[in-house]
C-alpha atoms as a PDB file:
ATOM      1  CA  UNK A   1     326.004  73.892 158.431  1.00  0.00           C
ATOM      2  CA  UNK A   2     324.639  70.329 158.374  1.00  0.00           C
ATOM      3  CA  UNK A   3     321.175  71.673 159.168  1.00  0.00           C
ATOM      4  CA  UNK A   4     321.320  74.062 156.248  1.00  0.00           C
ATOM      5  CA  UNK A   5     322.354  71.217 153.963  1.00  0.00           C
ATOM      6  CA  UNK A   6     319.426  69.062 155.146  1.00  0.00           C
ATOM      7  CA  UNK A   7     316.983  71.923 154.650  1.00  0.00           C
ATOM      8  CA  UNK A   8     318.266  72.612 151.153  1.00  0.00           C
ATOM      9  CA  UNK A   9     318.108  68.910 150.201  1.00  0.00           C
ATOM     10  CA  UNK A  10     314.564  68.621 151.468  1.00  0.00           C
ATOM     11  CA  UNK A  11     313.399  71.797 149.769  1.00  0.00           C
ATOM     12  CA  UNK A  12     315.028  70.961 146.447  1.00  0.00           C
ATOM     13  CA  UNK A  13     313.568  67.466 146.421  1.00  0.00           C
ATOM     14  CA  UNK A  14     310.076  68.560 147.398  1.00  0.00           C
ATOM     15  CA  UNK A  15     310.184  71.556 145.061  1.00  0.00           C
ATOM     16  CA  UNK A  16     311.209  69.360 142.138  1.00  0.00           C
ATOM     17  CA  UNK A  17     308.394  66.957 142.906  1.00  0.00           C
ATOM     18  CA  UNK A  18     305.809  69.731 143.149  1.00  0.00           C
ATOM     19  CA  UNK A  19     307.030  71.216 139.887  1.00  0.00           C
ATOM     20  CA  UNK A  20     306.789  67.847 138.146  1.00  0.00           C
ATOM     21  CA  UNK A  21     303.255  67.355 139.516  1.00  0.00           C
ATOM     22  CA  UNK A  22     302.205  70.804 138.270  1.00  0.00           C
ATOM     23  CA  UNK A  23     303.540  69.923 134.848  1.00  0.00           C
ATOM     24  CA  UNK A  24     301.499  66.714 134.881  1.00  0.00           C
ATOM     25  CA  UNK A  25     304.540  64.491 135.266  1.00  0.00           C
ATOM     26  CA  UNK A  26     305.277  61.876 137.878  1.00  0.00           C
ATOM     27  CA  UNK A  27     308.422  61.804 139.997  1.00  0.00           C
ATOM     28  CA  UNK A  28     311.103  60.741 137.476  1.00  0.00           C
ATOM     29  CA  UNK A  29     313.689  59.247 139.816  1.00  0.00           C
ATOM     30  CA  UNK A  30     313.666  55.543 140.545  1.00  0.00           C
ATOM     31  CA  UNK A  31     315.624  55.839 143.777  1.00  0.00           C
ATOM     32  CA  UNK A  32     315.093  56.704 147.409  1.00  0.00           C
ATOM     33  CA  UNK A  33     315.382  60.491 147.112  1.00  0.00           C
ATOM     34  CA  UNK A  34     311.786  61.224 148.222  1.00  0.00           C
ATOM     35  CA  UNK A  35     312.114  58.779 151.082  1.00  0.00           C
ATOM     36  CA  UNK A  36     315.421  60.257 152.200  1.00  0.00           C
ATOM     37  CA  UNK A  37     314.038  63.791 151.951  1.00  0.00           C
ATOM     38  CA  UNK A  38     311.114  62.783 154.168  1.00  0.00           C
ATOM     39  CA  UNK A  39     313.509  61.253 156.710  1.00  0.00           C
ATOM     40  CA  UNK A  40     315.668  64.384 156.601  1.00  0.00           C
ATOM     41  CA  UNK A  41     312.557  66.384 157.444  1.00  0.00           C
ATOM     42  CA  UNK A  42     311.884  64.163 160.475  1.00  0.00           C
ATOM     43  CA  UNK A  43     315.500  64.431 161.628  1.00  0.00           C
ATOM     44  CA  UNK A  44     315.336  68.201 161.266  1.00  0.00           C
ATOM     45  CA  UNK A  45     312.065  68.448 163.249  1.00  0.00           C
ATOM     46  CA  UNK A  46     313.467  66.277 166.040  1.00  0.00           C
ATOM     47  CA  UNK A  47     316.609  68.397 166.164  1.00  0.00           C
ATOM     48  CA  UNK A  48     315.076  71.876 165.890  1.00  0.00           C
ATOM     49  CA  UNK A  49     312.344  71.104 168.424  1.00  0.00           C
ATOM     50  CA  UNK A  50     315.022  69.823 170.821  1.00  0.00           C
ATOM     51  CA  UNK A  51     313.283  66.538 171.487  1.00  0.00           C
ATOM     52  CA  UNK A  52     316.416  64.500 172.221  1.00  0.00           C
ATOM     53  CA  UNK A  53     318.943  67.223 173.090  1.00  0.00           C
ATOM     54  CA  UNK A  54     319.631  65.838 176.554  1.00  0.00           C
ATOM     55  CA  UNK A  55     320.985  62.433 175.537  1.00  0.00           C
ATOM     56  CA  UNK A  56     323.664  61.055 177.877  1.00  0.00           C
ATOM     57  CA  UNK A  57     327.274  60.738 176.757  1.00  0.00           C
ATOM     58  CA  UNK A  58     327.877  58.005 174.194  1.00  0.00           C
ATOM     59  CA  UNK A  59     324.256  57.721 173.096  1.00  0.00           C
ATOM     60  CA  UNK A  60     323.152  58.590 169.573  1.00  0.00           C
ATOM     61  CA  UNK A  61     320.035  58.028 167.514  1.00  0.00           C
ATOM     62  CA  UNK A  62     319.147  56.354 164.264  1.00  0.00           C
ATOM     63  CA  UNK A  63     315.991  55.893 162.212  1.00  0.00           C
ATOM     64  CA  UNK A  64     314.691  52.375 161.669  1.00  0.00           C
ATOM     65  CA  UNK A  65     312.132  52.486 158.850  1.00  0.00           C
ATOM     66  CA  UNK A  66     309.837  49.970 157.243  1.00  0.00           C
ATOM     67  CA  UNK A  67     310.908  48.886 153.773  1.00  0.00           C
ATOM     68  CA  UNK A  68     307.602  49.496 152.045  1.00  0.00           C
ATOM     69  CA  UNK A  69     305.300  52.474 152.254  1.00  0.00           C
ATOM     70  CA  UNK A  70     301.740  51.868 153.408  1.00  0.00           C
ATOM     71  CA  UNK A  71     298.629  53.138 151.659  1.00  0.00           C
ATOM     72  CA  UNK A  72     298.915  56.858 151.024  1.00  0.00           C
ATOM     73  CA  UNK A  73     302.730  56.739 150.948  1.00  0.00           C
ATOM     74  CA  UNK A  74     303.155  56.594 154.745  1.00  0.00           C
ATOM     75  CA  UNK A  75     306.320  54.970 156.113  1.00  0.00           C
ATOM     76  CA  UNK A  76     306.591  53.839 159.719  1.00  0.00           C
ATOM     77  CA  UNK A  77     309.788  55.124 161.298  1.00  0.00           C
ATOM     78  CA  UNK A  78     311.122  54.205 164.730  1.00  0.00           C
ATOM     79  CA  UNK A  79     313.661  56.458 166.440  1.00  0.00           C
ATOM     80  CA  UNK A  80     316.091  54.121 168.188  1.00  0.00           C
ATOM     81  CA  UNK A  81     318.819  54.660 170.731  1.00  0.00           C
ATOM     82  CA  UNK A  82     322.311  53.503 169.820  1.00  0.00           C
ATOM     83  CA  UNK A  83     324.490  52.760 172.846  1.00  0.00           C
ATOM     84  CA  UNK A  84     328.049  53.722 172.054  1.00  0.00           C
ATOM     85  CA  UNK A  85     331.302  53.663 173.952  1.00  0.00           C
ATOM     86  CA  UNK A  86     331.037  55.324 177.348  1.00  0.00           C
ATOM     87  CA  UNK A  87     327.253  55.218 177.428  1.00  0.00           C
ATOM     88  CA  UNK A  88     327.020  52.429 179.974  1.00  0.00           C
ATOM     89  CA  UNK A  89     324.343  50.786 177.835  1.00  0.00           C
ATOM     90  CA  UNK A  90     324.468  47.447 176.082  1.00  0.00           C
ATOM     91  CA  UNK A  91     325.688  48.044 172.498  1.00  0.00           C
ATOM     92  CA  UNK A  92     323.619  45.051 171.348  1.00  0.00           C
ATOM     93  CA  UNK A  93     320.357  46.680 172.447  1.00  0.00           C
ATOM     94  CA  UNK A  94     318.723  49.618 170.665  1.00  0.00           C
ATOM     95  CA  UNK A  95     315.516  50.580 172.449  1.00  0.00           C
ATOM     96  CA  UNK A  96     312.743  52.374 170.601  1.00  0.00           C
ATOM     97  CA  UNK A  97     312.319  55.966 171.820  1.00  0.00           C
ATOM     98  CA  UNK A  98     309.478  57.089 169.555  1.00  0.00           C
ATOM     99  CA  UNK A  99     307.454  55.980 166.542  1.00  0.00           C
ATOM    100  CA  UNK A 100     306.337  58.133 163.640  1.00  0.00           C
ATOM    101  CA  UNK A 101     304.695  57.902 160.263  1.00  0.00           C
ATOM    102  CA  UNK A 102     306.301  60.020 157.544  1.00  0.00           C
ATOM    103  CA  UNK A 103     304.620  60.554 154.182  1.00  0.00           C
ATOM    104  CA  UNK A 104     306.985  60.195 151.243  1.00  0.00           C
ATOM    105  CA  UNK A 105     305.199  62.617 148.961  1.00  0.00           C
ATOM    106  CA  UNK A 106     305.288  65.728 151.148  1.00  0.00           C
ATOM    107  CA  UNK A 107     307.223  64.886 154.316  1.00  0.00           C
ATOM    108  CA  UNK A 108     304.167  65.146 156.597  1.00  0.00           C
ATOM    109  CA  UNK A 109     304.848  63.688 160.054  1.00  0.00           C
ATOM    110  CA  UNK A 110     302.465  61.962 162.443  1.00  0.00           C
ATOM    111  CA  UNK A 111     303.382  60.569 165.847  1.00  0.00           C
ATOM    112  CA  UNK A 112     302.306  57.024 166.617  1.00  0.00           C
ATOM    113  CA  UNK A 113     301.176  57.001 170.245  1.00  0.00           C
ATOM    114  CA  UNK A 114     301.791  53.395 171.324  1.00  0.00           C
ATOM    115  CA  UNK A 115     299.869  53.830 174.587  1.00  0.00           C
ATOM    116  CA  UNK A 116     296.699  54.988 172.823  1.00  0.00           C
ATOM    117  CA  UNK A 117     297.424  52.889 169.693  1.00  0.00           C
ATOM    118  CA  UNK A 118     296.695  55.802 167.368  1.00  0.00           C
ATOM    119  CA  UNK A 119     298.398  58.307 165.112  1.00  0.00           C
ATOM    120  CA  UNK A 120     298.467  61.842 166.435  1.00  0.00           C
ATOM    121  CA  UNK A 121     299.787  65.241 165.287  1.00  0.00           C
ATOM    122  CA  UNK A 122     303.401  66.304 165.833  1.00  0.00           C
ATOM    123  CA  UNK A 123     302.240  68.938 168.321  1.00  0.00           C
ATOM    124  CA  UNK A 124     300.757  66.194 170.530  1.00  0.00           C
ATOM    125  CA  UNK A 125     304.146  64.467 170.559  1.00  0.00           C
ATOM    126  CA  UNK A 126     305.845  67.655 171.725  1.00  0.00           C
ATOM    127  CA  UNK A 127     303.179  68.294 174.359  1.00  0.00           C
ATOM    128  CA  UNK A 128     303.514  64.720 175.625  1.00  0.00           C
ATOM    129  CA  UNK A 129     307.292  65.107 175.960  1.00  0.00           C
ATOM    130  CA  UNK A 130     306.995  68.410 177.840  1.00  0.00           C
ATOM    131  CA  UNK A 131     304.479  66.971 180.300  1.00  0.00           C
ATOM    132  CA  UNK A 132     306.691  63.972 181.177  1.00  0.00           C
END
């Protein structure tokens, strides 16, 4: 049910923005709704593609995002591990598991490959995870 809610929120937000652009208007809300919709899209992709389904007990994830968007509306987002009770990990440490760029305007996602120091398509991220 949560997934359906996230999908609906993302679609409504993006649909409203597209409609306002078609009508020659800019996004009217002075809040974080576009940003949150873009993050919801990333969360949904990570979940539906099963990227982190095999997390050990007590470990959860959170998104750590830059405050300001870069040129073109891209926001750097780091997926971090949160060590909870029973995880055996230090709760004061939250290692980075993956880095992405998410575009506010349309929710596009690019993987930041830290080894190659370049942005790559989502499909490359999935392929990289399957090979390792």
